[in-house]
Amino acid sequence: MTAGQLLLRRARFADLGPYEVYRLCRLRVDVFVVEQQCPYPELDGRDLEPATEHLWFEADGEVAATIRVLDDGPTRAIGRVATAPAFRGRGLAARLIEQGIADHGDRPLTLGAQAHLEGWYERFGFRRSGPGYVEDGIPHVPMRREPA
């Protein structure tokens, strides 16, 4: 599968069909719960918020990579950044982060980065914004990107 065959999709939860919801949640569970061995409540209620936006790359109906953008009042929070194993190494997560910044970068953006990815997020203008913490057994750091 080449990057040219990928389709960038975006939708609010209410606009997603049942198969899209299933495929998005399936990828997130496969990556975070199964692969990273973090049993946590993946379905946290935030997907349902009216302003939450889901962005993903799709290939032949399969979700290749995804992020979600939450409305946190004066800021937007990027999270649930996941790429399917078969699509890794193609820069898809980076392209989704760039799209999230293009769409919402007129206000501060925040995220909770896995600590080993801090440098990766810095390349998009995110900077550590507080002390590190452990979430679901994985070290994280809070990060923030100010509007350009």
C-alpha atoms as a PDB file:
ATOM      1  CA  MET A   1       0.000   0.000   0.000  1.00  0.00           C
ATOM      2  CA  THR A   2       1.487   3.364  -0.956  1.00  0.00           C
ATOM      3  CA  ALA A   3       0.871   6.725   0.708  1.00  0.00           C
ATOM      4  CA  GLY A   4      -0.871   7.812  -2.512  1.00  0.00           C
ATOM      5  CA  GLN A   5      -3.620   5.288  -1.859  1.00  0.00           C
ATOM      6  CA  LEU A   6      -4.419   6.722   1.569  1.00  0.00           C
ATOM      7  CA  LEU A   7      -7.443   8.903   2.148  1.00  0.00           C
ATOM      8  CA  LEU A   8      -7.418  11.572   4.873  1.00  0.00           C
ATOM      9  CA  ARG A   9     -10.738  11.502   6.700  1.00  0.00           C
ATOM     10  CA  ARG A  10     -12.202  13.672   9.458  1.00  0.00           C
ATOM     11  CA  ALA A  11     -15.493  13.629  11.332  1.00  0.00           C
ATOM     12  CA  ARG A  12     -17.233  14.450  14.554  1.00  0.00           C
ATOM     13  CA  PHE A  13     -18.476  11.365  16.408  1.00  0.00           C
ATOM     14  CA  ALA A  14     -22.123  11.978  15.477  1.00  0.00           C
ATOM     15  CA  ASP A  15     -21.124  11.915  11.803  1.00  0.00           C
ATOM     16  CA  LEU A  16     -19.294   8.588  12.007  1.00  0.00           C
ATOM     17  CA  GLY A  17     -20.948   5.425  10.805  1.00  0.00           C
ATOM     18  CA  PRO A  18     -20.909   2.311  12.999  1.00  0.00           C
ATOM     19  CA  TYR A  19     -18.166   0.642  10.961  1.00  0.00           C
ATOM     20  CA  GLU A  20     -15.970   3.742  11.199  1.00  0.00           C
ATOM     21  CA  VAL A  21     -16.449   3.883  14.977  1.00  0.00           C
ATOM     22  CA  TYR A  22     -15.579   0.209  15.223  1.00  0.00           C
ATOM     23  CA  ARG A  23     -12.432   0.526  13.081  1.00  0.00           C
ATOM     24  CA  LEU A  24     -11.183   3.631  14.942  1.00  0.00           C
ATOM     25  CA  CYS A  25     -11.749   2.063  18.361  1.00  0.00           C
ATOM     26  CA  ARG A  26     -10.291  -1.239  17.199  1.00  0.00           C
ATOM     27  CA  LEU A  27      -7.014   0.403  16.170  1.00  0.00           C
ATOM     28  CA  ARG A  28      -6.754   2.336  19.427  1.00  0.00           C
ATOM     29  CA  VAL A  29      -7.437  -0.779  21.526  1.00  0.00           C
ATOM     30  CA  ASP A  30      -5.017  -2.863  19.442  1.00  0.00           C
ATOM     31  CA  VAL A  31      -2.230  -0.308  19.950  1.00  0.00           C
ATOM     32  CA  PHE A  32      -2.781   0.997  23.470  1.00  0.00           C
ATOM     33  CA  VAL A  33      -4.425  -1.896  25.306  1.00  0.00           C
ATOM     34  CA  VAL A  34      -3.044  -4.956  23.530  1.00  0.00           C
ATOM     35  CA  GLU A  35       0.341  -3.929  22.076  1.00  0.00           C
ATOM     36  CA  GLN A  36       1.352  -1.564  24.905  1.00  0.00           C
ATOM     37  CA  GLN A  37      -0.311  -3.812  27.504  1.00  0.00           C
ATOM     38  CA  CYS A  38      -2.183  -0.946  29.182  1.00  0.00           C
ATOM     39  CA  PRO A  39      -5.597  -2.029  30.386  1.00  0.00           C
ATOM     40  CA  TYR A  40      -7.379   1.307  30.700  1.00  0.00           C
ATOM     41  CA  PRO A  41     -10.830   2.696  29.836  1.00  0.00           C
ATOM     42  CA  GLU A  42     -10.317   3.429  26.128  1.00  0.00           C
ATOM     43  CA  LEU A  43     -13.946   4.511  25.851  1.00  0.00           C
ATOM     44  CA  ASP A  44     -13.619   7.537  28.130  1.00  0.00           C
ATOM     45  CA  GLY A  45     -16.680   9.493  26.977  1.00  0.00           C
ATOM     46  CA  ARG A  46     -14.647  12.232  25.291  1.00  0.00           C
ATOM     47  CA  ASP A  47     -15.219  10.826  21.792  1.00  0.00           C
ATOM     48  CA  LEU A  48     -18.896  11.647  22.213  1.00  0.00           C
ATOM     49  CA  GLU A  49     -18.383  15.346  22.978  1.00  0.00           C
ATOM     50  CA  PRO A  50     -19.888  17.440  20.164  1.00  0.00           C
ATOM     51  CA  ALA A  51     -16.648  19.333  19.406  1.00  0.00           C
ATOM     52  CA  THR A  52     -14.329  16.292  19.387  1.00  0.00           C
ATOM     53  CA  GLU A  53     -12.851  15.751  15.956  1.00  0.00           C
ATOM     54  CA  HIS A  54     -11.426  12.483  14.686  1.00  0.00           C
ATOM     55  CA  LEU A  55      -8.813  12.542  11.939  1.00  0.00           C
ATOM     56  CA  TRP A  56      -7.525   9.391  10.294  1.00  0.00           C
ATOM     57  CA  PHE A  57      -5.932   7.904   7.241  1.00  0.00           C
ATOM     58  CA  GLU A  58      -7.891   5.119   5.630  1.00  0.00           C
ATOM     59  CA  ALA A  59      -6.737   2.549   3.081  1.00  0.00           C
ATOM     60  CA  ASP A  60      -9.288   0.207   1.524  1.00  0.00           C
ATOM     61  CA  GLY A  61     -11.633   0.755   4.461  1.00  0.00           C
ATOM     62  CA  GLU A  62      -8.900   0.039   7.037  1.00  0.00           C
ATOM     63  CA  VAL A  63      -7.787   2.698   9.527  1.00  0.00           C
ATOM     64  CA  ALA A  64      -4.049   3.172   9.021  1.00  0.00           C
ATOM     65  CA  ALA A  65      -3.472   5.944  11.586  1.00  0.00           C
ATOM     66  CA  THR A  66      -5.619   8.190  13.750  1.00  0.00           C
ATOM     67  CA  ILE A  67      -5.679  11.095  16.199  1.00  0.00           C
ATOM     68  CA  ARG A  68      -8.467  12.881  18.004  1.00  0.00           C
ATOM     69  CA  VAL A  69      -8.690  16.562  18.885  1.00  0.00           C
ATOM     70  CA  LEU A  70     -10.600  17.536  22.024  1.00  0.00           C
ATOM     71  CA  ASP A  71     -12.107  20.906  22.890  1.00  0.00           C
ATOM     72  CA  ASP A  72     -10.731  21.860  26.318  1.00  0.00           C
ATOM     73  CA  GLY A  73     -12.150  25.389  26.341  1.00  0.00           C
ATOM     74  CA  PRO A  74      -9.320  27.839  25.631  1.00  0.00           C
ATOM     75  CA  THR A  75      -7.120  25.007  24.302  1.00  0.00           C
ATOM     76  CA  ARG A  76      -7.435  21.971  22.077  1.00  0.00           C
ATOM     77  CA  ALA A  77      -5.895  18.657  23.134  1.00  0.00           C
ATOM     78  CA  ILE A  78      -4.455  16.175  20.660  1.00  0.00           C
ATOM     79  CA  GLY A  79      -4.521  12.574  21.751  1.00  0.00           C
ATOM     80  CA  ARG A  80      -5.056   8.927  20.896  1.00  0.00           C
ATOM     81  CA  VAL A  81      -2.262   9.127  18.318  1.00  0.00           C
ATOM     82  CA  ALA A  82      -2.005   5.613  16.895  1.00  0.00           C
ATOM     83  CA  THR A  83      -0.705   3.950  13.743  1.00  0.00           C
ATOM     84  CA  ALA A  84      -1.435   0.384  12.696  1.00  0.00           C
ATOM     85  CA  PRO A  85       1.724  -1.769  12.600  1.00  0.00           C
ATOM     86  CA  ALA A  86       1.428  -2.398   8.842  1.00  0.00           C
ATOM     87  CA  PHE A  87       1.495   1.369   8.188  1.00  0.00           C
ATOM     88  CA  ARG A  88       4.306   2.459  10.505  1.00  0.00           C
ATOM     89  CA  GLY A  89       7.386   4.226   9.206  1.00  0.00           C
ATOM     90  CA  ARG A  90       5.471   6.206   6.572  1.00  0.00           C
ATOM     91  CA  GLY A  91       5.039   9.451   8.497  1.00  0.00           C
ATOM     92  CA  LEU A  92       1.274   9.101   8.825  1.00  0.00           C
ATOM     93  CA  ALA A  93       1.113  10.158  12.474  1.00  0.00           C
ATOM     94  CA  ALA A  94       3.277  13.192  11.655  1.00  0.00           C
ATOM     95  CA  ARG A  95       0.937  14.153   8.822  1.00  0.00           C
ATOM     96  CA  LEU A  96      -2.060  13.855  11.159  1.00  0.00           C
ATOM     97  CA  ILE A  97      -0.354  16.013  13.811  1.00  0.00           C
ATOM     98  CA  GLU A  98       0.464  18.594  11.120  1.00  0.00           C
ATOM     99  CA  GLN A  99      -3.171  18.554  10.000  1.00  0.00           C
ATOM    100  CA  GLY A 100      -4.363  18.986  13.585  1.00  0.00           C
ATOM    101  CA  ILE A 101      -2.036  21.981  13.934  1.00  0.00           C
ATOM    102  CA  ALA A 102      -3.229  23.433  10.619  1.00  0.00           C
ATOM    103  CA  ASP A 103      -6.855  23.066  11.706  1.00  0.00           C
ATOM    104  CA  HIS A 104      -6.548  24.156  15.348  1.00  0.00           C
ATOM    105  CA  GLY A 105      -3.172  25.895  15.716  1.00  0.00           C
ATOM    106  CA  ASP A 106      -4.781  29.312  16.113  1.00  0.00           C
ATOM    107  CA  ARG A 107      -5.129  28.465  19.808  1.00  0.00           C
ATOM    108  CA  PRO A 108      -2.850  26.644  22.247  1.00  0.00           C
ATOM    109  CA  LEU A 109      -2.608  22.894  21.723  1.00  0.00           C
ATOM    110  CA  THR A 110      -1.809  20.424  24.492  1.00  0.00           C
ATOM    111  CA  LEU A 111      -1.053  16.742  24.705  1.00  0.00           C
ATOM    112  CA  GLY A 112       0.216  14.105  27.084  1.00  0.00           C
ATOM    113  CA  ALA A 113       3.184  12.559  25.289  1.00  0.00           C
ATOM    114  CA  GLN A 114       4.739   9.240  26.124  1.00  0.00           C
ATOM    115  CA  ALA A 115       8.089  10.427  27.498  1.00  0.00           C
ATOM    116  CA  HIS A 116      10.161   8.640  24.856  1.00  0.00           C
ATOM    117  CA  LEU A 117       8.293  10.647  22.176  1.00  0.00           C
ATOM    118  CA  GLU A 118       8.941  14.089  23.689  1.00  0.00           C
ATOM    119  CA  GLY A 119      11.578  14.916  21.056  1.00  0.00           C
ATOM    120  CA  TRP A 120       9.279  13.746  18.276  1.00  0.00           C
ATOM    121  CA  TYR A 121       6.535  16.154  19.390  1.00  0.00           C
ATOM    122  CA  GLU A 122       9.065  18.977  19.811  1.00  0.00           C
ATOM    123  CA  ARG A 123       9.588  18.990  16.047  1.00  0.00           C
ATOM    124  CA  PHE A 124       6.001  20.251  15.723  1.00  0.00           C
ATOM    125  CA  GLY A 125       6.564  23.084  18.194  1.00  0.00           C
ATOM    126  CA  PHE A 126       5.324  21.344  21.352  1.00  0.00           C
ATOM    127  CA  ARG A 127       7.298  22.033  24.532  1.00  0.00           C
ATOM    128  CA  ARG A 128       7.202  20.329  27.914  1.00  0.00           C
ATOM    129  CA  SER A 129       4.761  22.238  30.102  1.00  0.00           C
ATOM    130  CA  GLY A 130       5.106  20.531  33.493  1.00  0.00           C
ATOM    131  CA  PRO A 131       6.582  17.629  35.410  1.00  0.00           C
ATOM    132  CA  GLY A 132       6.482  14.110  34.044  1.00  0.00           C
ATOM    133  CA  TYR A 133       3.961  11.574  35.308  1.00  0.00           C
ATOM    134  CA  VAL A 134       3.151   7.905  34.922  1.00  0.00           C
ATOM    135  CA  GLU A 135      -0.099   6.972  33.215  1.00  0.00           C
ATOM    136  CA  ASP A 136      -1.089   3.325  32.837  1.00  0.00           C
ATOM    137  CA  GLY A 137       2.462   2.301  33.719  1.00  0.00           C
ATOM    138  CA  ILE A 138       4.058   4.446  30.973  1.00  0.00           C
ATOM    139  CA  PRO A 139       6.059   7.642  31.695  1.00  0.00           C
ATOM    140  CA  HIS A 140       4.423  10.710  30.102  1.00  0.00           C
ATOM    141  CA  VAL A 141       5.142  14.417  29.887  1.00  0.00           C
ATOM    142  CA  PRO A 142       2.622  17.233  29.452  1.00  0.00           C
ATOM    143  CA  MET A 143       3.314  19.326  26.367  1.00  0.00           C
ATOM    144  CA  ARG A 144       1.932  22.542  24.935  1.00  0.00           C
ATOM    145  CA  ARG A 145       2.213  24.361  21.623  1.00  0.00           C
ATOM    146  CA  GLU A 146       1.442  28.067  21.481  1.00  0.00           C
ATOM    147  CA  PRO A 147      -0.214  29.618  18.418  1.00  0.00           C
ATOM    148  CA  ALA A 148       2.261  30.736  15.753  1.00  0.00           C
END
